[in-house]
C-alpha atoms as a PDB file:
ATOM      1  CA  MET A   1     124.064  26.037  13.242  1.00  0.00           C
ATOM      2  CA  ILE A   2     124.600  22.808  11.324  1.00  0.00           C
ATOM      3  CA  VAL A   3     123.707  20.708  14.350  1.00  0.00           C
ATOM      4  CA  ARG A   4     120.541  22.746  14.881  1.00  0.00           C
ATOM      5  CA  HIS A   5     119.574  22.252  11.233  1.00  0.00           C
ATOM      6  CA  ILE A   6     119.957  18.498  11.550  1.00  0.00           C
ATOM      7  CA  LEU A   7     117.977  18.461  14.773  1.00  0.00           C
ATOM      8  CA  CYS A   8     115.091  20.299  13.193  1.00  0.00           C
ATOM      9  CA  HIS A   9     114.939  18.496   9.848  1.00  0.00           C
ATOM     10  CA  HIS A  10     115.743  14.814  10.180  1.00  0.00           C
ATOM     11  CA  ALA A  11     113.369  12.337  11.750  1.00  0.00           C
ATOM     12  CA  GLN A  12     111.901   9.011  10.708  1.00  0.00           C
ATOM     13  CA  LEU A  13     108.336   7.950  11.429  1.00  0.00           C
ATOM     14  CA  ILE A  14     107.453   4.263  11.088  1.00  0.00           C
ATOM     15  CA  ALA A  15     103.853   3.092  10.960  1.00  0.00           C
ATOM     16  CA  HIS A  16     104.083  -0.605  11.709  1.00  0.00           C
ATOM     17  CA  PRO A  17     101.503  -3.017  10.246  1.00  0.00           C
ATOM     18  CA  VAL A  18      99.685  -4.035  13.415  1.00  0.00           C
ATOM     19  CA  GLY A  19      96.260  -4.597  11.907  1.00  0.00           C
ATOM     20  CA  ASP A  20      93.647  -2.320  13.414  1.00  0.00           C
ATOM     21  CA  GLY A  21      95.739  -1.688  16.505  1.00  0.00           C
ATOM     22  CA  ASN A  22      98.021   1.148  17.464  1.00  0.00           C
ATOM     23  CA  ALA A  23     101.818   1.388  17.181  1.00  0.00           C
ATOM     24  CA  LEU A  24     103.886   4.217  15.705  1.00  0.00           C
ATOM     25  CA  GLU A  25     107.630   4.663  16.119  1.00  0.00           C
ATOM     26  CA  LEU A  26     109.643   7.891  15.889  1.00  0.00           C
ATOM     27  CA  ASN A  27     113.413   7.951  15.451  1.00  0.00           C
ATOM     28  CA  SER A  28     115.759  10.924  15.478  1.00  0.00           C
ATOM     29  CA  TRP A  29     118.208  11.844  18.234  1.00  0.00           C
ATOM     30  CA  GLY A  30     116.248   9.352  20.280  1.00  0.00           C
ATOM     31  CA  THR A  31     113.605   6.676  19.811  1.00  0.00           C
ATOM     32  CA  ALA A  32     110.006   6.933  20.982  1.00  0.00           C
ATOM     33  CA  MET A  33     106.844   4.900  20.569  1.00  0.00           C
ATOM     34  CA  MET A  34     103.299   6.199  20.263  1.00  0.00           C
ATOM     35  CA  ASP A  35     100.621   3.854  21.640  1.00  0.00           C
ATOM     36  CA  CYS A  36     100.812   0.098  22.027  1.00  0.00           C
ATOM     37  CA  GLY A  37      97.699  -2.024  21.628  1.00  0.00           C
ATOM     38  CA  GLY A  38      97.370  -5.577  22.876  1.00  0.00           C
ATOM     39  CA  ASP A  39      97.826  -7.225  19.476  1.00  0.00           C
ATOM     40  CA  ALA A  40     100.892  -9.478  19.345  1.00  0.00           C
ATOM     41  CA  ARG A  41     102.300  -7.420  16.466  1.00  0.00           C
ATOM     42  CA  ALA A  42     102.086  -4.202  18.481  1.00  0.00           C
ATOM     43  CA  ILE A  43     103.840  -5.864  21.396  1.00  0.00           C
ATOM     44  CA  GLN A  44     106.559  -7.017  18.995  1.00  0.00           C
ATOM     45  CA  VAL A  45     106.976  -3.401  17.862  1.00  0.00           C
ATOM     46  CA  LEU A  46     107.441  -2.373  21.495  1.00  0.00           C
ATOM     47  CA  HIS A  47     110.374  -4.730  21.840  1.00  0.00           C
ATOM     48  CA  SER A  48     111.936  -3.862  18.481  1.00  0.00           C
ATOM     49  CA  ALA A  49     111.715  -0.134  19.269  1.00  0.00           C
ATOM     50  CA  ALA A  50     113.199  -0.828  22.685  1.00  0.00           C
ATOM     51  CA  ALA A  51     116.110  -2.599  21.026  1.00  0.00           C
ATOM     52  CA  ARG A  52     116.783   0.642  19.129  1.00  0.00           C
ATOM     53  CA  GLY A  53     117.062   2.530  22.410  1.00  0.00           C
ATOM     54  CA  MET A  54     113.486   3.670  23.020  1.00  0.00           C
ATOM     55  CA  SER A  55     113.400   5.946  26.061  1.00  0.00           C
ATOM     56  CA  GLU A  56     110.036   7.716  25.629  1.00  0.00           C
ATOM     57  CA  PHE A  57     106.426   6.627  25.220  1.00  0.00           C
ATOM     58  CA  LEU A  58     103.491   8.789  24.152  1.00  0.00           C
ATOM     59  CA  LEU A  59      99.870   7.817  24.716  1.00  0.00           C
ATOM     60  CA  THR A  60      97.501   9.596  22.344  1.00  0.00           C
ATOM     61  CA  HIS A  61      94.252   8.298  23.825  1.00  0.00           C
ATOM     62  CA  LEU A  62      92.992   7.517  27.351  1.00  0.00           C
ATOM     63  CA  HIS A  63      91.142   4.315  26.432  1.00  0.00           C
ATOM     64  CA  PHE A  64      92.791   1.036  27.461  1.00  0.00           C
ATOM     65  CA  ASP A  65      93.086  -0.336  23.929  1.00  0.00           C
ATOM     66  CA  HIS A  66      95.780   2.258  23.173  1.00  0.00           C
ATOM     67  CA  TYR A  67      98.095   0.973  25.911  1.00  0.00           C
ATOM     68  CA  SER A  68      96.913  -2.578  26.606  1.00  0.00           C
ATOM     69  CA  GLY A  69     100.167  -3.991  25.219  1.00  0.00           C
ATOM     70  CA  ILE A  70     102.089  -2.426  28.097  1.00  0.00           C
ATOM     71  CA  SER A  71      99.843  -4.054  30.690  1.00  0.00           C
ATOM     72  CA  ARG A  72      99.917  -7.469  29.031  1.00  0.00           C
ATOM     73  CA  GLN A  73     103.620  -8.276  29.206  1.00  0.00           C
ATOM     74  CA  PRO A  74     104.457 -11.672  30.742  1.00  0.00           C
ATOM     75  CA  PRO A  75     105.835 -11.447  34.301  1.00  0.00           C
ATOM     76  CA  GLY A  76     109.591 -10.983  34.358  1.00  0.00           C
ATOM     77  CA  THR A  77     109.761  -9.383  30.896  1.00  0.00           C
ATOM     78  CA  LYS A  78     112.445  -6.705  30.628  1.00  0.00           C
ATOM     79  CA  LEU A  79     113.293  -4.189  27.924  1.00  0.00           C
ATOM     80  CA  PRO A  80     116.976  -3.626  27.032  1.00  0.00           C
ATOM     81  CA  PHE A  81     116.851   0.066  28.023  1.00  0.00           C
ATOM     82  CA  ASP A  82     114.843   2.138  30.467  1.00  0.00           C
ATOM     83  CA  VAL A  83     111.827   4.122  29.277  1.00  0.00           C
ATOM     84  CA  ASP A  84     112.176   7.225  31.425  1.00  0.00           C
ATOM     85  CA  GLN A  85     109.542   9.641  30.060  1.00  0.00           C
ATOM     86  CA  LEU A  86     105.808   9.259  29.420  1.00  0.00           C
ATOM     87  CA  PHE A  87     103.453  11.735  27.738  1.00  0.00           C
ATOM     88  CA  LEU A  88      99.648  11.553  27.998  1.00  0.00           C
ATOM     89  CA  PRO A  89      96.669  13.702  27.018  1.00  0.00           C
ATOM     90  CA  ALA A  90      95.409  15.699  29.987  1.00  0.00           C
ATOM     91  CA  LEU A  91      91.782  15.200  30.919  1.00  0.00           C
ATOM     92  CA  PRO A  92      90.127  18.609  30.423  1.00  0.00           C
ATOM     93  CA  LEU A  93      87.511  20.213  32.607  1.00  0.00           C
ATOM     94  CA  ILE A  94      84.212  18.842  31.296  1.00  0.00           C
ATOM     95  CA  LYS A  95      81.665  21.521  32.249  1.00  0.00           C
ATOM     96  CA  ASP A  96      82.373  21.339  36.003  1.00  0.00           C
ATOM     97  CA  HIS A  97      84.185  19.323  38.654  1.00  0.00           C
ATOM     98  CA  SER A  98      81.274  16.919  39.143  1.00  0.00           C
ATOM     99  CA  LEU A  99      80.843  15.884  35.509  1.00  0.00           C
ATOM    100  CA  THR A 100      84.610  15.653  35.024  1.00  0.00           C
ATOM    101  CA  GLU A 101      84.910  13.384  38.053  1.00  0.00           C
ATOM    102  CA  ASN A 102      82.004  11.189  36.968  1.00  0.00           C
ATOM    103  CA  PHE A 103      83.391  10.741  33.470  1.00  0.00           C
ATOM    104  CA  ALA A 104      86.874   9.981  34.803  1.00  0.00           C
ATOM    105  CA  LEU A 105      85.336   7.389  37.117  1.00  0.00           C
ATOM    106  CA  THR A 106      83.416   5.826  34.228  1.00  0.00           C
ATOM    107  CA  LEU A 107      86.496   5.751  31.977  1.00  0.00           C
ATOM    108  CA  PHE A 108      88.784   4.308  34.659  1.00  0.00           C
ATOM    109  CA  THR A 109      86.232   1.642  35.571  1.00  0.00           C
ATOM    110  CA  MET A 110      85.837   0.558  31.956  1.00  0.00           C
ATOM    111  CA  ASN A 111      89.617   0.459  31.486  1.00  0.00           C
ATOM    112  CA  LYS A 112      89.887  -1.772  34.552  1.00  0.00           C
ATOM    113  CA  ILE A 113      87.113  -4.073  33.309  1.00  0.00           C
ATOM    114  CA  LEU A 114      88.917  -4.396  29.970  1.00  0.00           C
ATOM    115  CA  GLY A 115      92.101  -5.551  31.690  1.00  0.00           C
ATOM    116  CA  GLY A 116      93.949  -2.494  32.947  1.00  0.00           C
ATOM    117  CA  LYS A 117      95.828  -3.175  36.170  1.00  0.00           C
ATOM    118  CA  SER A 118      94.370  -0.075  37.789  1.00  0.00           C
ATOM    119  CA  GLY A 119      92.279   1.396  34.971  1.00  0.00           C
ATOM    120  CA  ILE A 120      94.042   4.749  35.385  1.00  0.00           C
ATOM    121  CA  PRO A 121      96.120   5.341  32.236  1.00  0.00           C
ATOM    122  CA  GLU A 122      99.096   7.109  33.818  1.00  0.00           C
ATOM    123  CA  GLN A 123      99.274   4.648  36.711  1.00  0.00           C
ATOM    124  CA  ASP A 124      99.065   1.627  34.420  1.00  0.00           C
ATOM    125  CA  LEU A 125     101.845   3.048  32.245  1.00  0.00           C
ATOM    126  CA  ILE A 126     104.069   3.992  35.183  1.00  0.00           C
ATOM    127  CA  ASP A 127     103.641   0.573  36.779  1.00  0.00           C
ATOM    128  CA  GLY A 128     104.010  -1.192  33.433  1.00  0.00           C
ATOM    129  CA  PHE A 129     107.271   0.479  32.472  1.00  0.00           C
ATOM    130  CA  THR A 130     108.644   0.285  36.016  1.00  0.00           C
ATOM    131  CA  SER A 131     108.259  -3.468  35.696  1.00  0.00           C
ATOM    132  CA  LEU A 132     109.695  -3.530  32.154  1.00  0.00           C
ATOM    133  CA  ASN A 133     112.656  -1.220  32.806  1.00  0.00           C
ATOM    134  CA  PRO A 134     115.879  -3.175  33.444  1.00  0.00           C
ATOM    135  CA  THR A 135     116.707  -0.930  36.423  1.00  0.00           C
ATOM    136  CA  SER A 136     113.077  -1.023  37.668  1.00  0.00           C
ATOM    137  CA  THR A 137     113.158   2.784  37.713  1.00  0.00           C
ATOM    138  CA  SER A 138     109.786   4.540  37.462  1.00  0.00           C
ATOM    139  CA  PRO A 139     109.441   6.875  34.464  1.00  0.00           C
ATOM    140  CA  SER A 140     108.439  10.516  34.754  1.00  0.00           C
ATOM    141  CA  HIS A 141     105.156  11.536  33.177  1.00  0.00           C
ATOM    142  CA  ALA A 142     103.674  14.721  31.756  1.00  0.00           C
ATOM    143  CA  PHE A 143     100.100  15.592  30.849  1.00  0.00           C
ATOM    144  CA  LEU A 144      99.637  17.537  27.612  1.00  0.00           C
ATOM    145  CA  SER A 145      96.996  20.105  26.653  1.00  0.00           C
ATOM    146  CA  LYS A 146      96.458  22.476  23.751  1.00  0.00           C
ATOM    147  CA  GLY A 147      99.237  25.071  23.617  1.00  0.00           C
ATOM    148  CA  ASP A 148     101.824  22.914  25.399  1.00  0.00           C
ATOM    149  CA  SER A 149     105.154  22.121  23.761  1.00  0.00           C
ATOM    150  CA  PHE A 150     107.168  18.947  24.198  1.00  0.00           C
ATOM    151  CA  ASP A 151     110.110  17.119  22.640  1.00  0.00           C
ATOM    152  CA  LEU A 152     109.741  13.530  21.458  1.00  0.00           C
ATOM    153  CA  ALA A 153     112.804  11.645  20.214  1.00  0.00           C
ATOM    154  CA  GLY A 154     114.540  15.022  20.120  1.00  0.00           C
ATOM    155  CA  ILE A 155     111.918  16.582  17.834  1.00  0.00           C
ATOM    156  CA  PRO A 156     109.875  19.598  19.029  1.00  0.00           C
ATOM    157  CA  PHE A 157     106.079  19.358  18.886  1.00  0.00           C
ATOM    158  CA  GLN A 158     103.178  21.656  19.727  1.00  0.00           C
ATOM    159  CA  VAL A 159      99.928  20.267  21.148  1.00  0.00           C
ATOM    160  CA  LEU A 160      96.796  21.128  19.153  1.00  0.00           C
ATOM    161  CA  TRP A 161      94.288  19.135  21.222  1.00  0.00           C
ATOM    162  CA  PRO A 162      92.767  18.513  23.788  1.00  0.00           C
ATOM    163  CA  PRO A 163      91.875  21.922  25.235  1.00  0.00           C
ATOM    164  CA  ARG A 164      91.954  22.572  28.961  1.00  0.00           C
ATOM    165  CA  VAL A 165      88.208  23.217  28.944  1.00  0.00           C
ATOM    166  CA  ALA A 166      86.042  20.836  26.918  1.00  0.00           C
ATOM    167  CA  SER A 167      83.227  21.976  24.656  1.00  0.00           C
ATOM    168  CA  ASP A 168      79.520  21.630  25.385  1.00  0.00           C
ATOM    169  CA  LEU A 169      79.458  18.853  22.787  1.00  0.00           C
ATOM    170  CA  VAL A 170      81.965  16.845  24.833  1.00  0.00           C
ATOM    171  CA  ALA A 171      79.925  17.483  27.980  1.00  0.00           C
ATOM    172  CA  THR A 172      76.808  16.131  26.282  1.00  0.00           C
ATOM    173  CA  SER A 173      78.697  13.078  25.006  1.00  0.00           C
ATOM    174  CA  ALA A 174      80.176  12.469  28.457  1.00  0.00           C
ATOM    175  CA  LYS A 175      76.752  12.622  30.128  1.00  0.00           C
ATOM    176  CA  ASN A 176      75.415  10.129  27.599  1.00  0.00           C
ATOM    177  CA  ALA A 177      78.360   7.767  28.131  1.00  0.00           C
ATOM    178  CA  ILE A 178      77.886   7.893  31.902  1.00  0.00           C
ATOM    179  CA  ASP A 179      74.159   7.162  31.578  1.00  0.00           C
ATOM    180  CA  VAL A 180      74.719   4.220  29.224  1.00  0.00           C
ATOM    181  CA  PHE A 181      77.405   2.817  31.526  1.00  0.00           C
ATOM    182  CA  GLU A 182      75.254   3.188  34.660  1.00  0.00           C
ATOM    183  CA  LYS A 183      72.424   1.262  33.032  1.00  0.00           C
ATOM    184  CA  ALA A 184      74.828  -1.423  31.817  1.00  0.00           C
ATOM    185  CA  ILE A 185      76.194  -2.156  35.308  1.00  0.00           C
ATOM    186  CA  GLU A 186      72.890  -2.058  37.203  1.00  0.00           C
ATOM    187  CA  ASN A 187      73.138  -5.800  37.841  1.00  0.00           C
ATOM    188  CA  ASN A 188      76.926  -6.097  37.695  1.00  0.00           C
ATOM    189  CA  GLU A 189      78.176  -6.062  41.282  1.00  0.00           C
ATOM    190  CA  GLN A 190      81.797  -6.626  40.275  1.00  0.00           C
ATOM    191  CA  ALA A 191      81.779  -3.524  38.068  1.00  0.00           C
ATOM    192  CA  LYS A 192      80.179  -1.518  40.867  1.00  0.00           C
ATOM    193  CA  GLU A 193      82.909  -2.636  43.284  1.00  0.00           C
ATOM    194  CA  ILE A 194      85.605  -1.595  40.814  1.00  0.00           C
ATOM    195  CA  ARG A 195      83.939   1.778  40.417  1.00  0.00           C
ATOM    196  CA  GLU A 196      83.854   2.370  44.176  1.00  0.00           C
ATOM    197  CA  ARG A 197      87.564   1.581  44.506  1.00  0.00           C
ATOM    198  CA  LEU A 198      88.411   4.189  41.870  1.00  0.00           C
ATOM    199  CA  ARG A 199      86.446   7.132  43.276  1.00  0.00           C
ATOM    200  CA  ASP A 200      89.419   8.805  44.968  1.00  0.00           C
ATOM    201  CA  GLN A 201      91.535   8.627  41.813  1.00  0.00           C
ATOM    202  CA  ALA A 202      88.703  10.050  39.706  1.00  0.00           C
ATOM    203  CA  ALA A 203      88.304  12.938  42.142  1.00  0.00           C
ATOM    204  CA  GLN A 204      92.036  13.595  41.904  1.00  0.00           C
ATOM    205  CA  ALA A 205      91.843  13.646  38.087  1.00  0.00           C
ATOM    206  CA  ALA A 206      88.977  16.148  38.271  1.00  0.00           C
ATOM    207  CA  ARG A 207      90.910  18.408  40.649  1.00  0.00           C
ATOM    208  CA  ARG A 208      93.849  18.346  38.263  1.00  0.00           C
ATOM    209  CA  ALA A 209      91.552  19.296  35.363  1.00  0.00           C
ATOM    210  CA  VAL A 210      90.143  22.234  37.338  1.00  0.00           C
ATOM    211  CA  GLN A 211      93.646  23.406  38.194  1.00  0.00           C
ATOM    212  CA  ARG A 212      94.811  23.252  34.575  1.00  0.00           C
ATOM    213  CA  ALA A 213      91.701  25.120  33.443  1.00  0.00           C
ATOM    214  CA  ASP A 214      92.315  27.845  36.034  1.00  0.00           C
ATOM    215  CA  GLU A 215      95.941  28.199  34.968  1.00  0.00           C
ATOM    216  CA  HIS A 216      95.069  28.858  31.357  1.00  0.00           C
ATOM    217  CA  ASP A 217      91.469  29.057  30.181  1.00  0.00           C
ATOM    218  CA  ASP A 218      91.557  28.265  26.461  1.00  0.00           C
ATOM    219  CA  ARG A 219      87.838  27.727  26.044  1.00  0.00           C
ATOM    220  CA  SER A 220      86.541  28.826  22.680  1.00  0.00           C
ATOM    221  CA  ALA A 221      83.303  28.715  20.755  1.00  0.00           C
ATOM    222  CA  ASP A 222      82.115  25.196  20.103  1.00  0.00           C
ATOM    223  CA  ALA A 223      83.424  23.617  16.956  1.00  0.00           C
ATOM    224  CA  SER A 224      81.064  23.155  14.068  1.00  0.00           C
ATOM    225  CA  GLN A 225      78.407  20.693  15.150  1.00  0.00           C
ATOM    226  CA  GLU A 226      79.049  18.505  12.137  1.00  0.00           C
ATOM    227  CA  GLU A 227      77.603  15.062  12.762  1.00  0.00           C
ATOM    228  CA  ASP A 228      80.115  12.361  13.541  1.00  0.00           C
ATOM    229  CA  SER A 229      80.416   9.449  11.193  1.00  0.00           C
ATOM    230  CA  THR A 230      77.874   6.695  11.778  1.00  0.00           C
ATOM    231  CA  ASP A 231      79.362   4.244   9.302  1.00  0.00           C
ATOM    232  CA  ASN A 232      82.664   3.781  11.130  1.00  0.00           C
ATOM    233  CA  GLU A 233      81.941   1.330  13.913  1.00  0.00           C
ATOM    234  CA  GLU A 234      84.208   1.486  16.947  1.00  0.00           C
ATOM    235  CA  PHE A 235      86.009  -1.848  16.878  1.00  0.00           C
ATOM    236  CA  ILE A 236      87.196  -3.448  20.075  1.00  0.00           C
ATOM    237  CA  ASP A 237      90.839  -4.481  20.150  1.00  0.00           C
ATOM    238  CA  GLY A 238      90.865  -8.157  19.229  1.00  0.00           C
ATOM    239  CA  ALA A 239      92.989  -8.883  22.289  1.00  0.00           C
ATOM    240  CA  LEU A 240      90.378  -7.417  24.646  1.00  0.00           C
ATOM    241  CA  GLU A 241      87.421  -9.263  26.100  1.00  0.00           C
ATOM    242  CA  ILE A 242      84.329  -7.302  27.024  1.00  0.00           C
ATOM    243  CA  PRO A 243      81.007  -8.460  28.473  1.00  0.00           C
ATOM    244  CA  GLU A 244      78.237  -8.224  25.901  1.00  0.00           C
ATOM    245  CA  THR A 245      76.198  -6.008  28.219  1.00  0.00           C
ATOM    246  CA  LEU A 246      78.993  -3.424  28.219  1.00  0.00           C
ATOM    247  CA  ILE A 247      79.664  -3.207  24.478  1.00  0.00           C
ATOM    248  CA  ASN A 248      77.455  -0.160  23.944  1.00  0.00           C
ATOM    249  CA  ALA A 249      78.809   1.510  27.077  1.00  0.00           C
ATOM    250  CA  ASN A 250      82.378   0.943  25.925  1.00  0.00           C
ATOM    251  CA  ARG A 251      81.536   2.403  22.530  1.00  0.00           C
ATOM    252  CA  ALA A 252      80.041   5.544  24.118  1.00  0.00           C
ATOM    253  CA  ILE A 253      83.000   5.990  26.474  1.00  0.00           C
ATOM    254  CA  ARG A 254      85.482   5.506  23.684  1.00  0.00           C
ATOM    255  CA  ARG A 255      83.725   8.109  21.539  1.00  0.00           C
ATOM    256  CA  VAL A 256      84.277  10.692  24.289  1.00  0.00           C
ATOM    257  CA  ALA A 257      87.909   9.598  24.596  1.00  0.00           C
ATOM    258  CA  ASN A 258      88.232  10.110  20.827  1.00  0.00           C
ATOM    259  CA  ARG A 259      87.113  13.707  21.284  1.00  0.00           C
ATOM    260  CA  LEU A 260      89.834  14.165  23.910  1.00  0.00           C
ATOM    261  CA  SER A 261      92.703  12.443  22.110  1.00  0.00           C
ATOM    262  CA  LEU A 262      96.021  14.132  21.440  1.00  0.00           C
ATOM    263  CA  ALA A 263      96.644  15.980  18.191  1.00  0.00           C
ATOM    264  CA  PHE A 264      99.976  17.702  17.655  1.00  0.00           C
ATOM    265  CA  ARG A 265     102.326  19.036  15.018  1.00  0.00           C
ATOM    266  CA  CYS A 266     105.962  19.769  14.311  1.00  0.00           C
ATOM    267  CA  GLY A 267     105.698  23.074  12.468  1.00  0.00           C
ATOM    268  CA  THR A 268     104.507  22.285   8.953  1.00  0.00           C
ATOM    269  CA  ARG A 269     106.615  19.135   8.769  1.00  0.00           C
ATOM    270  CA  LEU A 270     104.204  16.714  10.442  1.00  0.00           C
ATOM    271  CA  ILE A 271     100.698  16.794  11.892  1.00  0.00           C
ATOM    272  CA  HIS A 272      99.211  13.910  13.891  1.00  0.00           C
ATOM    273  CA  LEU A 273      95.404  14.075  14.093  1.00  0.00           C
ATOM    274  CA  GLY A 274      94.915  11.405  16.737  1.00  0.00           C
ATOM    275  CA  ASP A 275      91.483   9.777  16.906  1.00  0.00           C
ATOM    276  CA  LEU A 276      89.531  13.037  16.850  1.00  0.00           C
ATOM    277  CA  GLU A 277      85.900  13.133  15.774  1.00  0.00           C
ATOM    278  CA  ARG A 278      84.654  15.495  13.067  1.00  0.00           C
ATOM    279  CA  ALA A 279      83.702  18.444  15.278  1.00  0.00           C
ATOM    280  CA  GLU A 280      87.112  18.407  16.967  1.00  0.00           C
ATOM    281  CA  LEU A 281      88.907  18.039  13.629  1.00  0.00           C
ATOM    282  CA  ASN A 282      87.069  21.121  12.380  1.00  0.00           C
ATOM    283  CA  GLN A 283      88.188  23.090  15.439  1.00  0.00           C
ATOM    284  CA  VAL A 284      91.810  21.982  15.036  1.00  0.00           C
ATOM    285  CA  VAL A 285      91.796  23.127  11.399  1.00  0.00           C
ATOM    286  CA  THR A 286      90.299  26.473  12.412  1.00  0.00           C
ATOM    287  CA  ASP A 287      92.921  26.934  15.132  1.00  0.00           C
ATOM    288  CA  LEU A 288      95.760  26.215  12.699  1.00  0.00           C
ATOM    289  CA  GLY A 289      95.266  29.597  11.057  1.00  0.00           C
ATOM    290  CA  PRO A 290      97.359  29.993   7.898  1.00  0.00           C
ATOM    291  CA  ALA A 291      99.340  26.779   8.490  1.00  0.00           C
ATOM    292  CA  LYS A 292      97.417  24.536   6.111  1.00  0.00           C
ATOM    293  CA  GLU A 293     100.131  22.732   4.120  1.00  0.00           C
ATOM    294  CA  PHE A 294     102.109  19.916   5.712  1.00  0.00           C
ATOM    295  CA  PHE A 295     104.922  17.704   4.522  1.00  0.00           C
ATOM    296  CA  GLY A 296     103.514  14.747   6.450  1.00  0.00           C
ATOM    297  CA  MET A 297     100.153  13.918   7.997  1.00  0.00           C
ATOM    298  CA  ILE A 298      98.968  11.005  10.128  1.00  0.00           C
ATOM    299  CA  ALA A 299      95.326  10.339   9.295  1.00  0.00           C
ATOM    300  CA  ALA A 300      92.725  10.582  12.048  1.00  0.00           C
ATOM    301  CA  HIS A 301      91.404   7.323  13.513  1.00  0.00           C
ATOM    302  CA  HIS A 302      93.007   4.947  11.012  1.00  0.00           C
ATOM    303  CA  GLY A 303      91.793   7.115   8.129  1.00  0.00           C
ATOM    304  CA  THR A 304      88.106   6.674   8.996  1.00  0.00           C
ATOM    305  CA  HIS A 305      87.536  10.199  10.371  1.00  0.00           C
ATOM    306  CA  PHE A 306      87.517  13.215   8.047  1.00  0.00           C
ATOM    307  CA  SER A 307      85.765  16.569   8.460  1.00  0.00           C
ATOM    308  CA  SER A 308      84.536  19.224   6.044  1.00  0.00           C
ATOM    309  CA  LYS A 309      87.111  21.830   7.080  1.00  0.00           C
ATOM    310  CA  MET A 310      89.926  19.366   6.458  1.00  0.00           C
ATOM    311  CA  ASN A 311      89.419  20.067   2.756  1.00  0.00           C
ATOM    312  CA  ARG A 312      91.427  23.227   3.442  1.00  0.00           C
ATOM    313  CA  LEU A 313      94.480  21.145   4.350  1.00  0.00           C
ATOM    314  CA  ARG A 314      97.147  19.752   2.043  1.00  0.00           C
ATOM    315  CA  ALA A 315      99.717  17.052   2.746  1.00  0.00           C
ATOM    316  CA  LEU A 316     102.535  15.854   0.533  1.00  0.00           C
ATOM    317  CA  HIS A 317     102.644  12.526   2.383  1.00  0.00           C
ATOM    318  CA  LEU A 318      99.794  10.833   4.242  1.00  0.00           C
ATOM    319  CA  VAL A 319     100.442   7.890   6.567  1.00  0.00           C
ATOM    320  CA  VAL A 320      97.485   5.674   7.471  1.00  0.00           C
ATOM    321  CA  SER A 321      97.723   2.984  10.137  1.00  0.00           C
ATOM    322  CA  ASN A 322      94.862   0.643   9.273  1.00  0.00           C
ATOM    323  CA  GLY A 323      93.933  -3.021   9.043  1.00  0.00           C
ATOM    324  CA  SER A 324      91.392  -5.379   7.536  1.00  0.00           C
ATOM    325  CA  ARG A 325      88.531  -4.098   9.695  1.00  0.00           C
ATOM    326  CA  ARG A 326      89.143  -0.490   8.641  1.00  0.00           C
ATOM    327  CA  PRO A 327      90.433  -0.858   5.064  1.00  0.00           C
ATOM    328  CA  ASN A 328      88.518   2.014   3.492  1.00  0.00           C
ATOM    329  CA  LEU A 329      90.248   5.373   3.675  1.00  0.00           C
ATOM    330  CA  GLN A 330      87.854   8.321   3.733  1.00  0.00           C
ATOM    331  CA  ALA A 331      87.722   9.746   0.202  1.00  0.00           C
ATOM    332  CA  GLY A 332      88.552  13.248   1.406  1.00  0.00           C
ATOM    333  CA  TYR A 333      92.104  12.212   2.245  1.00  0.00           C
ATOM    334  CA  ARG A 334      92.754  11.260  -1.378  1.00  0.00           C
ATOM    335  CA  LYS A 335      91.866  14.817  -2.382  1.00  0.00           C
ATOM    336  CA  ILE A 336      94.179  16.557   0.077  1.00  0.00           C
ATOM    337  CA  ALA A 337      97.227  14.230  -0.004  1.00  0.00           C
ATOM    338  CA  ARG A 338      99.722  13.707  -2.835  1.00  0.00           C
ATOM    339  CA  PHE A 339     101.310  10.411  -1.723  1.00  0.00           C
ATOM    340  CA  ILE A 340      99.491   7.926   0.517  1.00  0.00           C
ATOM    341  CA  GLN A 341     100.888   4.980   2.461  1.00  0.00           C
ATOM    342  CA  GLU A 342      98.463   2.578   4.152  1.00  0.00           C
ATOM    343  CA  THR A 343      99.788  -0.182   6.380  1.00  0.00           C
ATOM    344  CA  ASN A 344      96.918  -2.436   5.272  1.00  0.00           C
ATOM    345  CA  VAL A 345      98.156  -2.101   1.681  1.00  0.00           C
ATOM    346  CA  HIS A 346     101.870  -1.321   1.869  1.00  0.00           C
ATOM    347  CA  GLY A 347     102.939  -2.924   5.139  1.00  0.00           C
ATOM    348  CA  HIS A 348     105.581  -0.944   7.019  1.00  0.00           C
ATOM    349  CA  SER A 349     105.185   2.715   6.080  1.00  0.00           C
ATOM    350  CA  PHE A 350     108.110   5.102   6.449  1.00  0.00           C
ATOM    351  CA  LEU A 351     108.177   8.877   6.455  1.00  0.00           C
ATOM    352  CA  VAL A 352     111.403  10.867   6.722  1.00  0.00           C
ATOM    353  CA  PHE A 353     110.693  14.483   7.549  1.00  0.00           C
END
């Protein structure tokens, strides 16, 4: 009983100051890392976490800037220990097989243009960690959807988002992103060639989404159609280069990926809100039911995303991973949280829960 109590109540979350990038570390009976952008500071976090025995990696978001640090390691680089387990958000069924496949193809192509080795998140991570692992062993991977449970660093979590079947709002956003991307690459033969090479993988991703939807249909009424913030520009990872003609397309694709990012919780001890947009945040709050008070909370999208229904939540501790380009925390967080740590202000931010 004592061992079980320790297992359930002692973990340390570290939000490392990596500017506007992505890098969180979780330590308990194991060590895990959540996301790794291409910023040099995020890559340094990868190696410091690895030195503490990191064996798991969780990707919260399917856009390349959340895992670019894994793909940008110098040849021959090795970690001290093997990373043997990967977790990723599952791509949901977006209206039907065709739209799901077309969005997957658009996302993978953009990831490849931005510097991904394949553009396919799970393949880039598997190949990246196979190369980094000292034994060159390939890690296992698991896709996560709403309702799934998983252990990270020995701590149990429940997935709150994404659902297995996306909302009509996501379908509309995906169609828009595809249209913007198609127009952007009309005269870009290289991008078209990349897209053609990824068609089979996109079709496979769509088939997997259909299968997951058939296994457990968790579709629900669309979340409140609250408008998404227009004053929080999507910043491109400073380590990424993107053709000017594709900036708007990348922004549209990333907005859809935001809507599909992972959100999860460990009981009422910790809730991670990913990069969700306002409508999805509202739905997550609704789905929480009576569980509205949390010991710890990780703010959505560097503290720039906040929704009306989040006013129902309370957090004793709020952790915000932000930098100089996103220094302004949404005012709503200051109303629902008692103690706030921002990496842009406080540097390394620690939460023991």
